[in-house]
C-alpha atoms as a PDB file:
ATOM      1  CA  MET A   1     -66.378 -73.560 142.749  1.00  0.00           C
ATOM      2  CA  ASN A   2     -68.503 -70.218 143.680  1.00  0.00           C
ATOM      3  CA  PHE A   3     -70.926 -71.417 140.989  1.00  0.00           C
ATOM      4  CA  ARG A   4     -71.501 -74.625 142.336  1.00  0.00           C
ATOM      5  CA  LEU A   5     -71.768 -73.410 145.515  1.00  0.00           C
ATOM      6  CA  SER A   6     -74.275 -70.777 144.046  1.00  0.00           C
ATOM      7  CA  LEU A   7     -76.475 -73.646 142.628  1.00  0.00           C
ATOM      8  CA  MET A   8     -76.356 -75.734 145.633  1.00  0.00           C
ATOM      9  CA  LYS A   9     -77.919 -72.679 147.400  1.00  0.00           C
ATOM     10  CA  MET A  10     -80.621 -72.625 144.554  1.00  0.00           C
ATOM     11  CA  LEU A  11     -81.395 -76.115 144.637  1.00  0.00           C
ATOM     12  CA  VAL A  12     -81.534 -75.959 148.564  1.00  0.00           C
ATOM     13  CA  TRP A  13     -84.100 -72.876 148.415  1.00  0.00           C
ATOM     14  CA  ALA A  14     -86.225 -74.587 145.506  1.00  0.00           C
ATOM     15  CA  ILE A  15     -86.791 -77.814 147.470  1.00  0.00           C
ATOM     16  CA  VAL A  16     -87.424 -75.272 150.549  1.00  0.00           C
ATOM     17  CA  GLY A  17     -90.376 -73.471 148.427  1.00  0.00           C
ATOM     18  CA  LEU A  18     -91.556 -76.866 146.839  1.00  0.00           C
ATOM     19  CA  ILE A  19     -91.996 -78.464 150.788  1.00  0.00           C
ATOM     20  CA  ILE A  20     -93.611 -75.335 151.373  1.00  0.00           C
ATOM     21  CA  LEU A  21     -95.806 -75.172 148.577  1.00  0.00           C
ATOM     22  CA  GLY A  22     -96.720 -78.739 148.634  1.00  0.00           C
ATOM     23  CA  THR A  23     -97.577 -78.525 152.470  1.00  0.00           C
ATOM     24  CA  VAL A  24    -100.074 -75.981 151.782  1.00  0.00           C
ATOM     25  CA  VAL A  25    -101.679 -77.417 148.922  1.00  0.00           C
ATOM     26  CA  PHE A  26    -102.101 -80.587 150.736  1.00  0.00           C
ATOM     27  CA  GLY A  27    -103.616 -79.325 153.453  1.00  0.00           C
ATOM     28  CA  VAL A  28    -105.862 -77.073 151.627  1.00  0.00           C
ATOM     29  CA  SER A  29    -107.145 -80.299 149.510  1.00  0.00           C
ATOM     30  CA  VAL A  30    -107.595 -82.270 152.446  1.00  0.00           C
ATOM     31  CA  ALA A  31    -109.245 -79.138 153.962  1.00  0.00           C
ATOM     32  CA  VAL A  32    -111.925 -78.877 150.715  1.00  0.00           C
ATOM     33  CA  GLY A  33    -111.888 -82.436 149.876  1.00  0.00           C
ATOM     34  CA  SER A  34    -111.093 -81.641 146.323  1.00  0.00           C
ATOM     35  CA  GLU A  35    -109.763 -84.065 143.853  1.00  0.00           C
ATOM     36  CA  ASP A  36    -107.808 -81.657 141.956  1.00  0.00           C
ATOM     37  CA  ALA A  37    -106.180 -79.704 145.029  1.00  0.00           C
ATOM     38  CA  ARG A  38    -105.333 -83.638 145.670  1.00  0.00           C
ATOM     39  CA  TYR A  39    -103.833 -84.146 142.061  1.00  0.00           C
ATOM     40  CA  ILE A  40    -101.466 -80.944 142.289  1.00  0.00           C
ATOM     41  CA  ALA A  41    -100.513 -82.037 145.587  1.00  0.00           C
ATOM     42  CA  THR A  42     -99.243 -85.324 144.263  1.00  0.00           C
ATOM     43  CA  THR A  43     -97.762 -83.914 141.450  1.00  0.00           C
ATOM     44  CA  ILE A  44     -95.915 -81.284 143.883  1.00  0.00           C
ATOM     45  CA  THR A  45     -94.743 -83.904 146.098  1.00  0.00           C
ATOM     46  CA  ALA A  46     -93.298 -86.047 142.926  1.00  0.00           C
ATOM     47  CA  ILE A  47     -91.497 -83.302 141.672  1.00  0.00           C
ATOM     48  CA  MET A  48     -89.950 -82.074 145.350  1.00  0.00           C
ATOM     49  CA  ALA A  49     -88.709 -86.267 145.115  1.00  0.00           C
ATOM     50  CA  THR A  50     -87.177 -85.920 141.507  1.00  0.00           C
ATOM     51  CA  VAL A  51     -85.491 -82.577 142.834  1.00  0.00           C
ATOM     52  CA  LEU A  52     -84.315 -83.480 146.109  1.00  0.00           C
ATOM     53  CA  ALA A  53     -82.407 -86.906 143.922  1.00  0.00           C
ATOM     54  CA  GLY A  54     -81.002 -84.458 141.655  1.00  0.00           C
ATOM     55  CA  ALA A  55     -79.754 -82.451 144.399  1.00  0.00           C
ATOM     56  CA  SER A  56     -78.582 -85.456 146.440  1.00  0.00           C
ATOM     57  CA  LEU A  57     -76.592 -86.706 143.425  1.00  0.00           C
ATOM     58  CA  PHE A  58     -74.900 -83.403 142.252  1.00  0.00           C
ATOM     59  CA  VAL A  59     -73.723 -82.991 146.249  1.00  0.00           C
ATOM     60  CA  ALA A  60     -72.342 -86.321 145.780  1.00  0.00           C
ATOM     61  CA  ILE A  61     -70.621 -85.492 142.679  1.00  0.00           C
ATOM     62  CA  PHE A  62     -69.243 -82.074 144.123  1.00  0.00           C
ATOM     63  CA  GLN A  63     -67.903 -84.255 146.991  1.00  0.00           C
ATOM     64  CA  ILE A  64     -66.221 -86.535 145.073  1.00  0.00           C
ATOM     65  CA  GLN A  65     -64.428 -83.949 142.988  1.00  0.00           C
ATOM     66  CA  ALA A  66     -63.283 -82.168 145.978  1.00  0.00           C
ATOM     67  CA  HIS A  67     -61.450 -84.970 147.011  1.00  0.00           C
ATOM     68  CA  VAL A  68     -60.496 -87.159 144.394  1.00  0.00           C
ATOM     69  CA  ARG A  69     -58.277 -84.969 142.571  1.00  0.00           C
ATOM     70  CA  PRO A  70     -54.586 -84.288 142.409  1.00  0.00           C
ATOM     71  CA  PHE A  71     -52.968 -81.917 144.855  1.00  0.00           C
ATOM     72  CA  VAL A  72     -49.249 -80.725 143.274  1.00  0.00           C
ATOM     73  CA  THR A  73     -47.636 -78.860 146.071  1.00  0.00           C
ATOM     74  CA  VAL A  74     -44.257 -77.809 147.069  1.00  0.00           C
ATOM     75  CA  ALA A  75     -43.010 -80.281 149.537  1.00  0.00           C
ATOM     76  CA  ARG A  76     -39.509 -78.918 150.385  1.00  0.00           C
ATOM     77  CA  ILE A  77     -37.184 -76.169 149.291  1.00  0.00           C
ATOM     78  CA  GLN A  78     -33.295 -77.339 149.267  1.00  0.00           C
ATOM     79  CA  GLU A  79     -30.517 -74.202 148.979  1.00  0.00           C
ATOM     80  CA  VAL A  80     -27.265 -74.275 147.320  1.00  0.00           C
ATOM     81  CA  ALA A  81     -25.098 -71.599 149.342  1.00  0.00           C
ATOM     82  CA  SER A  82     -21.301 -70.564 149.235  1.00  0.00           C
ATOM     83  CA  LEU A  83     -19.063 -68.353 151.250  1.00  0.00           C
ATOM     84  CA  GLY A  84     -19.658 -64.782 150.443  1.00  0.00           C
ATOM     85  CA  PRO A  85     -16.814 -62.554 149.409  1.00  0.00           C
ATOM     86  CA  SER A  86     -14.777 -61.947 152.299  1.00  0.00           C
ATOM     87  CA  GLY A  87     -14.951 -58.147 152.341  1.00  0.00           C
ATOM     88  CA  GLU A  88     -18.569 -58.254 153.036  1.00  0.00           C
ATOM     89  CA  ALA A  89     -18.947 -61.029 155.277  1.00  0.00           C
ATOM     90  CA  ALA A  90     -20.802 -58.593 157.771  1.00  0.00           C
ATOM     91  CA  THR A  91     -23.532 -58.111 154.976  1.00  0.00           C
ATOM     92  CA  ILE A  92     -23.116 -61.387 152.802  1.00  0.00           C
ATOM     93  CA  PRO A  93     -21.695 -64.201 155.007  1.00  0.00           C
ATOM     94  CA  TYR A  94     -23.389 -66.669 152.548  1.00  0.00           C
ATOM     95  CA  GLU A  95     -24.756 -66.363 149.176  1.00  0.00           C
ATOM     96  CA  LEU A  96     -27.809 -68.301 147.924  1.00  0.00           C
ATOM     97  CA  ASP A  97     -26.560 -69.512 144.787  1.00  0.00           C
ATOM     98  CA  ALA A  98     -29.812 -71.814 143.630  1.00  0.00           C
ATOM     99  CA  CYS A  99     -32.466 -73.507 144.964  1.00  0.00           C
ATOM    100  CA  TYR A 100     -33.816 -76.755 144.475  1.00  0.00           C
ATOM    101  CA  ILE A 101     -37.633 -76.937 144.511  1.00  0.00           C
ATOM    102  CA  GLU A 102     -39.150 -80.365 145.086  1.00  0.00           C
ATOM    103  CA  VAL A 103     -42.772 -80.641 143.740  1.00  0.00           C
ATOM    104  CA  GLN A 104     -45.186 -83.544 145.112  1.00  0.00           C
ATOM    105  CA  ASN A 105     -48.709 -84.524 143.978  1.00  0.00           C
ATOM    106  CA  THR A 106     -50.495 -85.197 147.587  1.00  0.00           C
ATOM    107  CA  GLY A 107     -53.587 -86.278 145.607  1.00  0.00           C
ATOM    108  CA  SER A 108     -55.008 -89.779 144.867  1.00  0.00           C
ATOM    109  CA  VAL A 109     -55.203 -89.102 141.018  1.00  0.00           C
ATOM    110  CA  PRO A 110     -52.223 -88.317 138.797  1.00  0.00           C
ATOM    111  CA  ALA A 111     -51.666 -85.139 137.429  1.00  0.00           C
ATOM    112  CA  GLU A 112     -50.641 -84.410 134.075  1.00  0.00           C
ATOM    113  CA  GLU A 113     -49.553 -81.374 131.508  1.00  0.00           C
ATOM    114  CA  ILE A 114     -47.969 -79.351 135.073  1.00  0.00           C
ATOM    115  CA  LYS A 115     -46.981 -75.784 134.275  1.00  0.00           C
ATOM    116  CA  LEU A 116     -44.528 -74.423 136.669  1.00  0.00           C
ATOM    117  CA  HIS A 117     -43.844 -70.572 137.174  1.00  0.00           C
ATOM    118  CA  ILE A 118     -41.106 -69.934 140.062  1.00  0.00           C
ATOM    119  CA  SER A 119     -40.280 -66.209 140.753  1.00  0.00           C
ATOM    120  CA  LEU A 120     -37.670 -64.552 142.960  1.00  0.00           C
ATOM    121  CA  LEU A 121     -38.985 -61.296 143.914  1.00  0.00           C
ATOM    122  CA  ALA A 122     -38.754 -58.509 146.774  1.00  0.00           C
ATOM    123  CA  LEU A 123     -41.152 -58.157 149.483  1.00  0.00           C
ATOM    124  CA  ALA A 124     -41.307 -54.802 149.582  1.00  0.00           C
ATOM    125  CA  SER A 125     -41.771 -54.209 145.948  1.00  0.00           C
ATOM    126  CA  LYS A 126     -42.739 -57.217 144.650  1.00  0.00           C
ATOM    127  CA  GLU A 127     -40.888 -56.512 141.834  1.00  0.00           C
ATOM    128  CA  ILE A 128     -39.582 -59.917 140.056  1.00  0.00           C
ATOM    129  CA  THR A 129     -36.014 -60.734 140.092  1.00  0.00           C
ATOM    130  CA  THR A 130     -35.478 -63.713 138.066  1.00  0.00           C
ATOM    131  CA  GLU A 131     -37.995 -66.381 137.221  1.00  0.00           C
ATOM    132  CA  VAL A 132     -38.134 -70.020 135.752  1.00  0.00           C
ATOM    133  CA  ARG A 133     -40.634 -71.508 133.954  1.00  0.00           C
ATOM    134  CA  THR A 134     -40.816 -75.425 133.176  1.00  0.00           C
ATOM    135  CA  GLU A 135     -43.218 -77.937 132.318  1.00  0.00           C
ATOM    136  CA  LEU A 136     -43.843 -81.638 134.000  1.00  0.00           C
ATOM    137  CA  PRO A 137     -45.421 -84.386 131.732  1.00  0.00           C
ATOM    138  CA  PHE A 138     -46.878 -86.503 134.874  1.00  0.00           C
ATOM    139  CA  LEU A 139     -47.019 -87.011 138.291  1.00  0.00           C
ATOM    140  CA  PRO A 140     -48.209 -90.095 139.857  1.00  0.00           C
ATOM    141  CA  PRO A 141     -49.982 -90.054 143.382  1.00  0.00           C
ATOM    142  CA  ASN A 142     -47.378 -89.066 145.925  1.00  0.00           C
ATOM    143  CA  GLY A 143     -45.009 -88.775 142.837  1.00  0.00           C
ATOM    144  CA  GLN A 144     -42.159 -86.190 143.251  1.00  0.00           C
ATOM    145  CA  GLU A 145     -40.320 -84.123 140.785  1.00  0.00           C
ATOM    146  CA  THR A 146     -37.342 -81.604 141.269  1.00  0.00           C
ATOM    147  CA  VAL A 147     -37.140 -78.271 139.886  1.00  0.00           C
ATOM    148  CA  GLU A 148     -33.889 -76.089 140.119  1.00  0.00           C
ATOM    149  CA  PHE A 149     -33.915 -72.426 140.212  1.00  0.00           C
ATOM    150  CA  PRO A 150     -30.348 -71.587 139.366  1.00  0.00           C
ATOM    151  CA  ASN A 151     -28.345 -68.249 138.617  1.00  0.00           C
ATOM    152  CA  ILE A 152     -29.460 -66.250 141.644  1.00  0.00           C
ATOM    153  CA  PRO A 153     -27.999 -62.648 140.799  1.00  0.00           C
ATOM    154  CA  ARG A 154     -25.228 -61.397 142.626  1.00  0.00           C
ATOM    155  CA  GLU A 155     -26.641 -58.231 143.422  1.00  0.00           C
ATOM    156  CA  ILE A 156     -29.344 -59.208 145.410  1.00  0.00           C
ATOM    157  CA  GLN A 157     -27.238 -61.204 147.748  1.00  0.00           C
ATOM    158  CA  THR A 158     -27.453 -58.456 150.543  1.00  0.00           C
ATOM    159  CA  ASN A 159     -31.213 -58.303 150.368  1.00  0.00           C
ATOM    160  CA  ILE A 160     -31.355 -62.180 150.230  1.00  0.00           C
ATOM    161  CA  CYS A 161     -29.184 -61.846 153.343  1.00  0.00           C
ATOM    162  CA  ALA A 162     -31.623 -59.064 155.240  1.00  0.00           C
ATOM    163  CA  GLY A 163     -34.360 -61.203 154.562  1.00  0.00           C
ATOM    164  CA  GLN A 164     -36.218 -58.808 152.289  1.00  0.00           C
ATOM    165  CA  MET A 165     -36.854 -61.795 149.517  1.00  0.00           C
ATOM    166  CA  LYS A 166     -39.146 -64.191 148.734  1.00  0.00           C
ATOM    167  CA  ILE A 167     -40.251 -67.285 146.314  1.00  0.00           C
ATOM    168  CA  GLU A 168     -43.469 -67.384 144.873  1.00  0.00           C
ATOM    169  CA  VAL A 169     -44.632 -70.671 143.314  1.00  0.00           C
ATOM    170  CA  ALA A 170     -47.464 -70.887 140.579  1.00  0.00           C
ATOM    171  CA  ILE A 171     -48.662 -74.553 139.747  1.00  0.00           C
ATOM    172  CA  ASN A 172     -51.273 -75.417 137.242  1.00  0.00           C
ATOM    173  CA  TYR A 173     -52.062 -78.788 136.035  1.00  0.00           C
ATOM    174  CA  LYS A 174     -54.658 -81.104 134.934  1.00  0.00           C
ATOM    175  CA  GLY A 175     -56.948 -83.587 136.417  1.00  0.00           C
ATOM    176  CA  LEU A 176     -59.530 -85.820 135.828  1.00  0.00           C
ATOM    177  CA  GLY A 177     -60.024 -83.815 132.895  1.00  0.00           C
ATOM    178  CA  LYS A 178     -59.869 -80.214 134.992  1.00  0.00           C
ATOM    179  CA  ARG A 179     -57.235 -77.760 135.357  1.00  0.00           C
ATOM    180  CA  HIS A 180     -56.411 -76.951 138.767  1.00  0.00           C
ATOM    181  CA  ASP A 181     -54.198 -74.067 140.002  1.00  0.00           C
ATOM    182  CA  THR A 182     -51.913 -74.125 143.587  1.00  0.00           C
ATOM    183  CA  GLU A 183     -49.889 -70.681 144.450  1.00  0.00           C
ATOM    184  CA  GLN A 184     -47.563 -71.004 147.485  1.00  0.00           C
ATOM    185  CA  SER A 185     -45.415 -68.173 148.911  1.00  0.00           C
ATOM    186  CA  PHE A 186     -42.174 -68.271 150.724  1.00  0.00           C
ATOM    187  CA  ASN A 187     -39.915 -65.545 152.641  1.00  0.00           C
ATOM    188  CA  ILE A 188     -36.252 -66.439 152.465  1.00  0.00           C
ATOM    189  CA  GLU A 189     -34.581 -66.114 155.796  1.00  0.00           C
ATOM    190  CA  ARG A 190     -30.876 -66.605 157.029  1.00  0.00           C
ATOM    191  CA  ALA A 191     -30.123 -68.548 160.028  1.00  0.00           C
ATOM    192  CA  GLU A 192     -27.040 -69.838 162.456  1.00  0.00           C
ATOM    193  CA  VAL A 193     -26.855 -73.839 162.644  1.00  0.00           C
ATOM    194  CA  ARG A 194     -24.438 -74.459 165.400  1.00  0.00           C
ATOM    195  CA  GLN A 195     -22.011 -76.926 164.980  1.00  0.00           C
ATOM    196  CA  VAL A 196     -19.335 -78.962 167.072  1.00  0.00           C
ATOM    197  CA  VAL A 197     -16.693 -76.193 165.450  1.00  0.00           C
ATOM    198  CA  GLY A 198     -18.181 -73.070 164.962  1.00  0.00           C
ATOM    199  CA  ALA A 199     -21.612 -72.394 163.117  1.00  0.00           C
ATOM    200  CA  ARG A 200     -22.323 -71.927 159.515  1.00  0.00           C
ATOM    201  CA  SER A 201     -25.047 -70.075 157.865  1.00  0.00           C
ATOM    202  CA  THR A 202     -28.146 -71.512 156.183  1.00  0.00           C
ATOM    203  CA  PHE A 203     -31.109 -70.072 154.737  1.00  0.00           C
ATOM    204  CA  VAL A 204     -34.615 -71.460 155.059  1.00  0.00           C
ATOM    205  CA  PHE A 205     -37.788 -71.089 153.455  1.00  0.00           C
ATOM    206  CA  LYS A 206     -40.461 -69.885 155.581  1.00  0.00           C
ATOM    207  CA  HIS A 207     -44.001 -70.589 153.924  1.00  0.00           C
ATOM    208  CA  THR A 208     -45.806 -67.286 154.705  1.00  0.00           C
ATOM    209  CA  ASN A 209     -49.642 -68.148 154.371  1.00  0.00           C
ATOM    210  CA  PRO A 210     -51.931 -71.016 153.422  1.00  0.00           C
ATOM    211  CA  SER A 211     -51.436 -72.578 150.029  1.00  0.00           C
ATOM    212  CA  ARG A 212     -54.518 -71.201 147.789  1.00  0.00           C
ATOM    213  CA  LEU A 213     -55.249 -74.569 145.850  1.00  0.00           C
ATOM    214  CA  ARG A 214     -58.236 -74.149 143.105  1.00  0.00           C
END
């Protein structure tokens, strides 16, 4: 995308330069009445028209590609939790046993060859505790698939309950012959859900920053 933006800037400057040059040459040709100058001015005008048409086509293609493509993102994360050990109820009231991560294609064209890398890591050290790599062959527009993130280690449940862990999801996929990437991050937080009788703990996955779509 940076290359395309740089090329667009170059085209804009080229058009501006040709307009200025054509205006100067045309003004001089009118002033001196030279046939050669008029010919040069006509040639420059034709070149300007060609460059402008090419730039307009390039911008149109760029805009179409920016909008007509797949966008594969995490739609929702669901928890699988259980009661923690009775002796550790103060620090581990509930254990996060597993997660189900729903992936959705919100774009207007299908996504193919989808590769997912899901990591559970510490907020402070960014050390990966466990990870899952999997692939999906195809996702149509608005299509969804669920990926299980199982067997979360017992020894990090205290950190999870303390809000010190997060999930990162990296998705690489193909659409319209090009590969794209999505990166998302979710902090794991524990919340109390009030019920008719008592309360229970649950885990929420808070999206920490805007999704990176490339």
